[in-house]
Amino acid sequence: MRRDKLKRADYLLYFRRDSPLAVVEVQEPGLPVQLGVQQVRDYAEILGLKFASEPTTGGRKLYEY
């Protein structure tokens, strides 16, 4: 049996130390923000979170789910 590569979110936002609120995934400069949409949604689902966001480089756009 072989395990898949570990999934790790870029950032987790917490309401309190033991209460994660949202997951944030940041893309590399020059990549379209849409490339990480499914990835950030999967992370939120795995962690049981209702919110996920993906800011573009420079913070010009922010996609929230």
PDB file of N, CA and C in Angstrom:
ATOM      1  N   MET A   1       0.844  -1.170   0.000  1.00  0.00           N
ATOM      2  CA  MET A   1       0.000   0.000   0.000  1.00  0.00           C
ATOM      3  C   MET A   1       0.890   1.234   0.000  1.00  0.00           C
ATOM      4  N   ARG A   2       0.497   2.233  -0.736  1.00  0.00           N
ATOM      5  CA  ARG A   2       1.274   3.461  -0.833  1.00  0.00           C
ATOM      6  C   ARG A   2       0.375   4.654  -0.504  1.00  0.00           C
ATOM      7  N   ARG A   3       0.860   5.520   0.337  1.00  0.00           N
ATOM      8  CA  ARG A   3       0.102   6.714   0.691  1.00  0.00           C
ATOM      9  C   ARG A   3       0.315   7.805  -0.336  1.00  0.00           C
ATOM     10  N   ASP A   4      -0.709   8.616  -0.524  1.00  0.00           N
ATOM     11  CA  ASP A   4      -0.578   9.791  -1.375  1.00  0.00           C
ATOM     12  C   ASP A   4       0.267  10.828  -0.667  1.00  0.00           C
ATOM     13  N   LYS A   5       0.723  11.801  -1.427  1.00  0.00           N
ATOM     14  CA  LYS A   5       1.486  12.907  -0.859  1.00  0.00           C
ATOM     15  C   LYS A   5       0.616  13.633   0.175  1.00  0.00           C
ATOM     16  N   LEU A   6       1.224  14.019   1.292  1.00  0.00           N
ATOM     17  CA  LEU A   6       0.482  14.729   2.323  1.00  0.00           C
ATOM     18  C   LEU A   6      -0.092  16.030   1.798  1.00  0.00           C
ATOM     19  N   LYS A   7      -1.319  16.316   2.202  1.00  0.00           N
ATOM     20  CA  LYS A   7      -1.947  17.578   1.826  1.00  0.00           C
ATOM     21  C   LYS A   7      -1.732  18.552   2.964  1.00  0.00           C
ATOM     22  N   ARG A   8      -1.336  19.752   2.611  1.00  0.00           N
ATOM     23  CA  ARG A   8      -1.069  20.752   3.626  1.00  0.00           C
ATOM     24  C   ARG A   8      -1.509  22.123   3.111  1.00  0.00           C
ATOM     25  N   ALA A   9      -2.395  22.756   3.839  1.00  0.00           N
ATOM     26  CA  ALA A   9      -2.874  24.088   3.468  1.00  0.00           C
ATOM     27  C   ALA A   9      -1.784  25.117   3.749  1.00  0.00           C
ATOM     28  N   ASP A  10      -1.802  26.204   2.986  1.00  0.00           N
ATOM     29  CA  ASP A  10      -0.817  27.261   3.205  1.00  0.00           C
ATOM     30  C   ASP A  10      -1.050  27.967   4.542  1.00  0.00           C
ATOM     31  N   TYR A  11      -2.306  28.304   4.817  1.00  0.00           N
ATOM     32  CA  TYR A  11      -2.631  28.999   6.067  1.00  0.00           C
ATOM     33  C   TYR A  11      -3.975  28.538   6.591  1.00  0.00           C
ATOM     34  N   LEU A  12      -4.083  28.498   7.913  1.00  0.00           N
ATOM     35  CA  LEU A  12      -5.364  28.278   8.578  1.00  0.00           C
ATOM     36  C   LEU A  12      -5.656  29.494   9.433  1.00  0.00           C
ATOM     37  N   LEU A  13      -6.861  29.995   9.328  1.00  0.00           N
ATOM     38  CA  LEU A  13      -7.278  31.112  10.177  1.00  0.00           C
ATOM     39  C   LEU A  13      -8.067  30.545  11.346  1.00  0.00           C
ATOM     40  N   TYR A  14      -7.754  31.011  12.533  1.00  0.00           N
ATOM     41  CA  TYR A  14      -8.397  30.503  13.738  1.00  0.00           C
ATOM     42  C   TYR A  14      -9.224  31.586  14.415  1.00  0.00           C
ATOM     43  N   PHE A  15     -10.377  31.187  14.936  1.00  0.00           N
ATOM     44  CA  PHE A  15     -11.191  32.065  15.773  1.00  0.00           C
ATOM     45  C   PHE A  15     -10.611  32.065  17.185  1.00  0.00           C
ATOM     46  N   ARG A  16     -10.302  30.868  17.638  1.00  0.00           N
ATOM     47  CA  ARG A  16      -9.596  30.645  18.903  1.00  0.00           C
ATOM     48  C   ARG A  16      -8.562  29.569  18.633  1.00  0.00           C
ATOM     49  N   ARG A  17      -7.707  29.331  19.590  1.00  0.00           N
ATOM     50  CA  ARG A  17      -6.619  28.358  19.402  1.00  0.00           C
ATOM     51  C   ARG A  17      -7.120  27.004  18.930  1.00  0.00           C
ATOM     52  N   ASP A  18      -8.256  26.565  19.432  1.00  0.00           N
ATOM     53  CA  ASP A  18      -8.783  25.250  19.087  1.00  0.00           C
ATOM     54  C   ASP A  18      -9.971  25.311  18.133  1.00  0.00           C
ATOM     55  N   SER A  19     -10.197  26.475  17.501  1.00  0.00           N
ATOM     56  CA  SER A  19     -11.339  26.637  16.605  1.00  0.00           C
ATOM     57  C   SER A  19     -10.920  27.176  15.240  1.00  0.00           C
ATOM     58  N   PRO A  20     -10.516  26.286  14.315  1.00  0.00           N
ATOM     59  CA  PRO A  20     -10.171  26.776  12.983  1.00  0.00           C
ATOM     60  C   PRO A  20     -11.405  27.333  12.290  1.00  0.00           C
ATOM     61  N   LEU A  21     -11.218  28.418  11.572  1.00  0.00           N
ATOM     62  CA  LEU A  21     -12.334  29.118  10.939  1.00  0.00           C
ATOM     63  C   LEU A  21     -12.317  28.972   9.422  1.00  0.00           C
ATOM     64  N   ALA A  22     -11.137  29.117   8.805  1.00  0.00           N
ATOM     65  CA  ALA A  22     -11.044  29.082   7.343  1.00  0.00           C
ATOM     66  C   ALA A  22      -9.668  28.619   6.917  1.00  0.00           C
ATOM     67  N   VAL A  23      -9.606  28.130   5.696  1.00  0.00           N
ATOM     68  CA  VAL A  23      -8.342  27.735   5.089  1.00  0.00           C
ATOM     69  C   VAL A  23      -8.033  28.730   3.969  1.00  0.00           C
ATOM     70  N   VAL A  24      -6.742  29.084   3.831  1.00  0.00           N
ATOM     71  CA  VAL A  24      -6.305  30.031   2.801  1.00  0.00           C
ATOM     72  C   VAL A  24      -5.211  29.374   1.981  1.00  0.00           C
ATOM     73  N   GLU A  25      -5.362  29.404   0.678  1.00  0.00           N
ATOM     74  CA  GLU A  25      -4.377  28.840  -0.249  1.00  0.00           C
ATOM     75  C   GLU A  25      -3.861  29.968  -1.123  1.00  0.00           C
ATOM     76  N   VAL A  26      -2.545  30.110  -1.214  1.00  0.00           N
ATOM     77  CA  VAL A  26      -1.923  31.185  -1.980  1.00  0.00           C
ATOM     78  C   VAL A  26      -1.208  30.591  -3.188  1.00  0.00           C
ATOM     79  N   GLN A  27      -1.443  31.169  -4.367  1.00  0.00           N
ATOM     80  CA  GLN A  27      -0.818  30.700  -5.596  1.00  0.00           C
ATOM     81  C   GLN A  27       0.513  31.399  -5.842  1.00  0.00           C
ATOM     82  N   GLU A  28       1.372  30.751  -6.602  1.00  0.00           N
ATOM     83  CA  GLU A  28       2.646  31.349  -6.989  1.00  0.00           C
ATOM     84  C   GLU A  28       2.403  32.524  -7.931  1.00  0.00           C
ATOM     85  N   PRO A  29       3.310  33.488  -7.933  1.00  0.00           N
ATOM     86  CA  PRO A  29       3.156  34.633  -8.844  1.00  0.00           C
ATOM     87  C   PRO A  29       3.076  34.188 -10.301  1.00  0.00           C
ATOM     88  N   GLY A  30       2.153  34.800 -11.029  1.00  0.00           N
ATOM     89  CA  GLY A  30       2.004  34.500 -12.443  1.00  0.00           C
ATOM     90  C   GLY A  30       1.026  33.390 -12.770  1.00  0.00           C
ATOM     91  N   LEU A  31       0.617  32.600 -11.792  1.00  0.00           N
ATOM     92  CA  LEU A  31      -0.342  31.527 -12.038  1.00  0.00           C
ATOM     93  C   LEU A  31      -1.760  32.060 -11.859  1.00  0.00           C
ATOM     94  N   PRO A  32      -2.689  31.593 -12.694  1.00  0.00           N
ATOM     95  CA  PRO A  32      -4.077  32.023 -12.522  1.00  0.00           C
ATOM     96  C   PRO A  32      -4.642  31.514 -11.200  1.00  0.00           C
ATOM     97  N   VAL A  33      -5.415  32.342 -10.550  1.00  0.00           N
ATOM     98  CA  VAL A  33      -5.966  31.982  -9.247  1.00  0.00           C
ATOM     99  C   VAL A  33      -6.888  30.767  -9.340  1.00  0.00           C
ATOM    100  N   GLN A  34      -7.489  30.554 -10.490  1.00  0.00           N
ATOM    101  CA  GLN A  34      -8.428  29.444 -10.656  1.00  0.00           C
ATOM    102  C   GLN A  34      -7.763  28.072 -10.524  1.00  0.00           C
ATOM    103  N   LEU A  35      -6.450  28.004 -10.658  1.00  0.00           N
ATOM    104  CA  LEU A  35      -5.767  26.713 -10.548  1.00  0.00           C
ATOM    105  C   LEU A  35      -5.899  26.105  -9.154  1.00  0.00           C
ATOM    106  N   GLY A  36      -6.042  26.912  -8.139  1.00  0.00           N
ATOM    107  CA  GLY A  36      -6.110  26.398  -6.779  1.00  0.00           C
ATOM    108  C   GLY A  36      -7.502  26.294  -6.215  1.00  0.00           C
ATOM    109  N   VAL A  37      -8.514  26.575  -7.019  1.00  0.00           N
ATOM    110  CA  VAL A  37      -9.887  26.584  -6.524  1.00  0.00           C
ATOM    111  C   VAL A  37     -10.275  25.228  -5.941  1.00  0.00           C
ATOM    112  N   GLN A  38     -10.093  24.169  -6.695  1.00  0.00           N
ATOM    113  CA  GLN A  38     -10.486  22.850  -6.203  1.00  0.00           C
ATOM    114  C   GLN A  38      -9.631  22.432  -5.018  1.00  0.00           C
ATOM    115  N   GLN A  39      -8.375  22.792  -5.046  1.00  0.00           N
ATOM    116  CA  GLN A  39      -7.469  22.434  -3.961  1.00  0.00           C
ATOM    117  C   GLN A  39      -7.921  23.049  -2.641  1.00  0.00           C
ATOM    118  N   VAL A  40      -8.227  24.321  -2.632  1.00  0.00           N
ATOM    119  CA  VAL A  40      -8.632  24.985  -1.398  1.00  0.00           C
ATOM    120  C   VAL A  40     -10.002  24.489  -0.932  1.00  0.00           C
ATOM    121  N   ARG A  41     -10.865  24.159  -1.857  1.00  0.00           N
ATOM    122  CA  ARG A  41     -12.172  23.609  -1.477  1.00  0.00           C
ATOM    123  C   ARG A  41     -12.010  22.224  -0.849  1.00  0.00           C
ATOM    124  N   ASP A  42     -11.096  21.418  -1.400  1.00  0.00           N
ATOM    125  CA  ASP A  42     -10.840  20.096  -0.828  1.00  0.00           C
ATOM    126  C   ASP A  42     -10.292  20.208   0.593  1.00  0.00           C
ATOM    127  N   TYR A  43      -9.357  21.119   0.808  1.00  0.00           N
ATOM    128  CA  TYR A  43      -8.796  21.317   2.147  1.00  0.00           C
ATOM    129  C   TYR A  43      -9.886  21.704   3.143  1.00  0.00           C
ATOM    130  N   ALA A  44     -10.749  22.609   2.752  1.00  0.00           N
ATOM    131  CA  ALA A  44     -11.832  23.038   3.642  1.00  0.00           C
ATOM    132  C   ALA A  44     -12.747  21.866   3.971  1.00  0.00           C
ATOM    133  N   GLU A  45     -13.056  21.054   2.986  1.00  0.00           N
ATOM    134  CA  GLU A  45     -13.923  19.898   3.212  1.00  0.00           C
ATOM    135  C   GLU A  45     -13.258  18.886   4.139  1.00  0.00           C
ATOM    136  N   ILE A  46     -11.983  18.593   3.913  1.00  0.00           N
ATOM    137  CA  ILE A  46     -11.249  17.638   4.754  1.00  0.00           C
ATOM    138  C   ILE A  46     -11.234  18.096   6.211  1.00  0.00           C
ATOM    139  N   LEU A  47     -11.049  19.401   6.416  1.00  0.00           N
ATOM    140  CA  LEU A  47     -10.967  19.946   7.765  1.00  0.00           C
ATOM    141  C   LEU A  47     -12.333  20.258   8.369  1.00  0.00           C
ATOM    142  N   GLY A  48     -13.397  20.097   7.585  1.00  0.00           N
ATOM    143  CA  GLY A  48     -14.740  20.371   8.077  1.00  0.00           C
ATOM    144  C   GLY A  48     -15.010  21.850   8.271  1.00  0.00           C
ATOM    145  N   LEU A  49     -14.391  22.690   7.444  1.00  0.00           N
ATOM    146  CA  LEU A  49     -14.555  24.133   7.561  1.00  0.00           C
ATOM    147  C   LEU A  49     -15.563  24.633   6.540  1.00  0.00           C
ATOM    148  N   LYS A  50     -16.262  25.703   6.897  1.00  0.00           N
ATOM    149  CA  LYS A  50     -17.270  26.266   6.007  1.00  0.00           C
ATOM    150  C   LYS A  50     -16.707  27.337   5.087  1.00  0.00           C
ATOM    151  N   PHE A  51     -15.499  27.818   5.360  1.00  0.00           N
ATOM    152  CA  PHE A  51     -14.936  28.906   4.577  1.00  0.00           C
ATOM    153  C   PHE A  51     -13.574  28.533   4.009  1.00  0.00           C
ATOM    154  N   ALA A  52     -13.333  28.997   2.782  1.00  0.00           N
ATOM    155  CA  ALA A  52     -12.039  28.833   2.134  1.00  0.00           C
ATOM    156  C   ALA A  52     -11.817  30.054   1.256  1.00  0.00           C
ATOM    157  N   SER A  53     -10.582  30.520   1.190  1.00  0.00           N
ATOM    158  CA  SER A  53     -10.308  31.665   0.324  1.00  0.00           C
ATOM    159  C   SER A  53      -8.979  31.477  -0.374  1.00  0.00           C
ATOM    160  N   GLU A  54      -8.851  32.179  -1.481  1.00  0.00           N
ATOM    161  CA  GLU A  54      -7.653  32.080  -2.283  1.00  0.00           C
ATOM    162  C   GLU A  54      -7.319  33.469  -2.836  1.00  0.00           C
ATOM    163  N   PRO A  55      -6.384  34.168  -2.195  1.00  0.00           N
ATOM    164  CA  PRO A  55      -6.000  35.483  -2.720  1.00  0.00           C
ATOM    165  C   PRO A  55      -4.989  35.344  -3.849  1.00  0.00           C
ATOM    166  N   THR A  56      -5.051  36.259  -4.803  1.00  0.00           N
ATOM    167  CA  THR A  56      -4.053  36.271  -5.862  1.00  0.00           C
ATOM    168  C   THR A  56      -2.823  36.998  -5.357  1.00  0.00           C
ATOM    169  N   THR A  57      -1.740  36.869  -6.090  1.00  0.00           N
ATOM    170  CA  THR A  57      -0.510  37.545  -5.718  1.00  0.00           C
ATOM    171  C   THR A  57      -0.743  39.048  -5.669  1.00  0.00           C
ATOM    172  N   GLY A  58      -0.285  39.679  -4.640  1.00  0.00           N
ATOM    173  CA  GLY A  58      -0.467  41.116  -4.482  1.00  0.00           C
ATOM    174  C   GLY A  58      -1.811  41.483  -3.887  1.00  0.00           C
ATOM    175  N   GLY A  59      -2.671  40.492  -3.657  1.00  0.00           N
ATOM    176  CA  GLY A  59      -3.957  40.756  -3.024  1.00  0.00           C
ATOM    177  C   GLY A  59      -4.938  41.523  -3.894  1.00  0.00           C
ATOM    178  N   ARG A  60      -4.781  41.473  -5.208  1.00  0.00           N
ATOM    179  CA  ARG A  60      -5.676  42.218  -6.098  1.00  0.00           C
ATOM    180  C   ARG A  60      -7.052  41.598  -6.174  1.00  0.00           C
ATOM    181  N   LYS A  61      -7.141  40.282  -6.034  1.00  0.00           N
ATOM    182  CA  LYS A  61      -8.424  39.588  -6.058  1.00  0.00           C
ATOM    183  C   LYS A  61      -8.446  38.591  -4.914  1.00  0.00           C
ATOM    184  N   LEU A  62      -9.647  38.284  -4.471  1.00  0.00           N
ATOM    185  CA  LEU A  62      -9.818  37.298  -3.417  1.00  0.00           C
ATOM    186  C   LEU A  62     -11.050  36.486  -3.726  1.00  0.00           C
ATOM    187  N   TYR A  63     -10.880  35.200  -3.877  1.00  0.00           N
ATOM    188  CA  TYR A  63     -11.992  34.301  -4.099  1.00  0.00           C
ATOM    189  C   TYR A  63     -12.312  33.621  -2.780  1.00  0.00           C
ATOM    190  N   GLU A  64     -13.577  33.688  -2.372  1.00  0.00           N
ATOM    191  CA  GLU A  64     -13.985  33.036  -1.125  1.00  0.00           C
ATOM    192  C   GLU A  64     -15.085  32.038  -1.429  1.00  0.00           C
ATOM    193  N   TYR A  65     -15.045  30.932  -0.700  1.00  0.00           N
ATOM    194  CA  TYR A  65     -16.012  29.876  -0.888  1.00  0.00           C
ATOM    195  C   TYR A  65     -16.649  29.531   0.436  1.00  0.00           C
TER     196      TYR A  65
END
